[in-house]
Structure formats: C-alpha cells, structure tokens
Amino acid sequence: MITHEEALRWASNVDEFKLKVQGIATTADLSRDQMVAAVVGRGTPEITRFGR
C-alpha cells in the first residue's frame, strides 16, 4: 500500500495531485475526457474494400 505522503513525494505535480485526491477535476482532466468521448462515440469505423 502506498501512503499519501509517499504519493506526494513522487507526484510530478503536487498541487494537481492534491486536487485529484479531493475529487476536484482540473481543466486538463475535462479536456482529456472530452477527447476520449469524441473518439469512443464514433464507434467502429466502416471498412471499404475495393473490387466489390
């Protein structure tokens, strides 16, 4: 198990880590979620084959 203090010591951005632990989403999190939703929402791409 990793302690909170150890996680803080290894965090690349301590302030952002503290916000995430509190359950607060950053604008970077929201942007990432929007990009994922856009990609996932597309579904499976249609494959077009030549010669048919």
N, C-alpha and C. Protein backbone atom coordinates (compact mmCIF):
# COMPACT_ATOMS: atom_id res chain seq x y z
N MET A 1 0.85 -1.18 0.00
CA MET A 1 0.00 0.00 0.00
C MET A 1 0.90 1.24 0.00
N ILE A 2 0.48 2.23 -0.75
CA ILE A 2 1.24 3.49 -0.84
C ILE A 2 0.57 4.52 0.06
N THR A 3 1.37 5.15 0.88
CA THR A 3 0.83 6.16 1.78
C THR A 3 0.62 7.47 1.01
N HIS A 4 -0.18 8.34 1.59
CA HIS A 4 -0.44 9.64 0.99
C HIS A 4 0.86 10.45 0.91
N GLU A 5 1.68 10.37 1.94
CA GLU A 5 2.95 11.10 1.96
C GLU A 5 3.88 10.60 0.86
N GLU A 6 3.93 9.28 0.65
CA GLU A 6 4.78 8.72 -0.40
C GLU A 6 4.28 9.15 -1.78
N ALA A 7 2.98 9.15 -1.97
CA ALA A 7 2.42 9.58 -3.24
C ALA A 7 2.74 11.05 -3.51
N LEU A 8 2.66 11.88 -2.48
CA LEU A 8 3.02 13.29 -2.64
C LEU A 8 4.48 13.46 -3.01
N ARG A 9 5.33 12.64 -2.41
CA ARG A 9 6.76 12.72 -2.67
C ARG A 9 7.07 12.40 -4.14
N TRP A 10 6.33 11.45 -4.74
CA TRP A 10 6.60 11.02 -6.11
C TRP A 10 5.73 11.70 -7.16
N ALA A 11 4.79 12.54 -6.75
CA ALA A 11 3.91 13.21 -7.71
C ALA A 11 4.70 14.22 -8.55
N SER A 12 4.42 14.23 -9.85
CA SER A 12 5.10 15.20 -10.72
C SER A 12 4.52 16.60 -10.54
N ASN A 13 3.26 16.69 -10.11
CA ASN A 13 2.63 17.97 -9.84
C ASN A 13 1.84 17.83 -8.54
N VAL A 14 2.43 18.25 -7.46
CA VAL A 14 1.87 18.04 -6.12
C VAL A 14 0.51 18.72 -5.97
N ASP A 15 0.38 19.95 -6.46
CA ASP A 15 -0.88 20.67 -6.33
C ASP A 15 -2.01 19.96 -7.09
N GLU A 16 -1.71 19.49 -8.30
CA GLU A 16 -2.71 18.76 -9.08
C GLU A 16 -3.08 17.44 -8.40
N PHE A 17 -2.10 16.76 -7.85
CA PHE A 17 -2.37 15.51 -7.13
C PHE A 17 -3.30 15.76 -5.94
N LYS A 18 -3.04 16.82 -5.20
CA LYS A 18 -3.89 17.13 -4.05
C LYS A 18 -5.33 17.38 -4.48
N LEU A 19 -5.52 18.07 -5.60
CA LEU A 19 -6.86 18.32 -6.11
C LEU A 19 -7.56 17.01 -6.48
N LYS A 20 -6.83 16.12 -7.14
CA LYS A 20 -7.41 14.84 -7.54
C LYS A 20 -7.80 14.00 -6.34
N VAL A 21 -6.99 14.02 -5.30
CA VAL A 21 -7.31 13.28 -4.09
C VAL A 21 -8.60 13.82 -3.47
N GLN A 22 -8.83 15.12 -3.59
CA GLN A 22 -10.04 15.74 -3.06
C GLN A 22 -11.24 15.53 -3.98
N GLY A 23 -10.99 14.97 -5.17
CA GLY A 23 -12.08 14.72 -6.11
C GLY A 23 -12.39 15.87 -7.03
N ILE A 24 -11.45 16.82 -7.14
CA ILE A 24 -11.65 18.00 -7.98
C ILE A 24 -10.97 17.77 -9.32
N ALA A 25 -11.72 17.90 -10.40
CA ALA A 25 -11.19 17.70 -11.74
C ALA A 25 -10.55 19.00 -12.25
N THR A 26 -9.41 18.87 -12.90
CA THR A 26 -8.75 20.03 -13.49
C THR A 26 -9.24 20.23 -14.92
N THR A 27 -8.90 21.34 -15.52
CA THR A 27 -9.30 21.57 -16.91
C THR A 27 -8.63 20.56 -17.83
N ALA A 28 -7.44 20.12 -17.49
CA ALA A 28 -6.76 19.09 -18.29
C ALA A 28 -7.56 17.78 -18.25
N ASP A 29 -8.10 17.44 -17.07
CA ASP A 29 -8.92 16.23 -16.95
C ASP A 29 -10.17 16.34 -17.81
N LEU A 30 -10.81 17.49 -17.77
CA LEU A 30 -12.04 17.69 -18.54
C LEU A 30 -11.76 17.62 -20.04
N SER A 31 -10.66 18.23 -20.48
CA SER A 31 -10.30 18.19 -21.89
C SER A 31 -10.02 16.77 -22.34
N ARG A 32 -9.29 16.02 -21.52
CA ARG A 32 -8.97 14.63 -21.84
C ARG A 32 -10.25 13.79 -21.92
N ASP A 33 -11.17 14.01 -21.00
CA ASP A 33 -12.43 13.27 -21.02
C ASP A 33 -13.24 13.59 -22.28
N GLN A 34 -13.23 14.85 -22.72
CA GLN A 34 -13.95 15.23 -23.93
C GLN A 34 -13.34 14.58 -25.16
N MET A 35 -12.00 14.51 -25.22
CA MET A 35 -11.34 13.87 -26.35
C MET A 35 -11.66 12.38 -26.41
N VAL A 36 -11.64 11.72 -25.25
CA VAL A 36 -11.96 10.29 -25.20
C VAL A 36 -13.40 10.06 -25.62
N ALA A 37 -14.32 10.88 -25.15
CA ALA A 37 -15.73 10.74 -25.51
C ALA A 37 -15.93 10.91 -27.01
N ALA A 38 -15.19 11.82 -27.62
CA ALA A 38 -15.32 12.04 -29.05
C ALA A 38 -14.83 10.83 -29.84
N VAL A 39 -13.74 10.23 -29.39
CA VAL A 39 -13.19 9.06 -30.08
C VAL A 39 -14.08 7.84 -29.86
N VAL A 40 -14.51 7.62 -28.64
CA VAL A 40 -15.33 6.46 -28.31
C VAL A 40 -16.71 6.58 -28.97
N GLY A 41 -17.23 7.77 -29.06
CA GLY A 41 -18.55 7.98 -29.64
C GLY A 41 -18.64 7.68 -31.12
N ARG A 42 -17.52 7.59 -31.78
CA ARG A 42 -17.50 7.33 -33.22
C ARG A 42 -17.87 5.89 -33.54
N GLY A 43 -17.65 4.97 -32.64
CA GLY A 43 -17.94 3.57 -32.90
C GLY A 43 -16.87 2.93 -33.77
N THR A 44 -17.22 1.82 -34.37
CA THR A 44 -16.28 1.09 -35.21
C THR A 44 -16.26 1.71 -36.60
N PRO A 45 -15.08 1.98 -37.14
CA PRO A 45 -15.02 2.59 -38.47
C PRO A 45 -15.48 1.59 -39.54
N GLU A 46 -16.13 2.11 -40.57
CA GLU A 46 -16.57 1.26 -41.68
C GLU A 46 -15.38 0.99 -42.58
N ILE A 47 -15.24 -0.26 -42.98
CA ILE A 47 -14.12 -0.66 -43.84
C ILE A 47 -14.64 -0.80 -45.26
N THR A 48 -14.03 -0.07 -46.18
CA THR A 48 -14.41 -0.13 -47.59
C THR A 48 -13.38 -0.96 -48.33
N ARG A 49 -13.85 -1.99 -49.01
CA ARG A 49 -12.94 -2.86 -49.77
C ARG A 49 -13.11 -2.59 -51.25
N PHE A 50 -12.01 -2.63 -51.96
CA PHE A 50 -12.04 -2.39 -53.40
C PHE A 50 -12.37 -3.69 -54.12
N GLY A 51 -13.02 -3.58 -55.28
CA GLY A 51 -13.30 -4.76 -56.10
C GLY A 51 -14.63 -5.43 -55.80
N ARG A 52 -15.46 -4.84 -54.98
CA ARG A 52 -16.76 -5.45 -54.67
C ARG A 52 -17.86 -4.57 -55.12
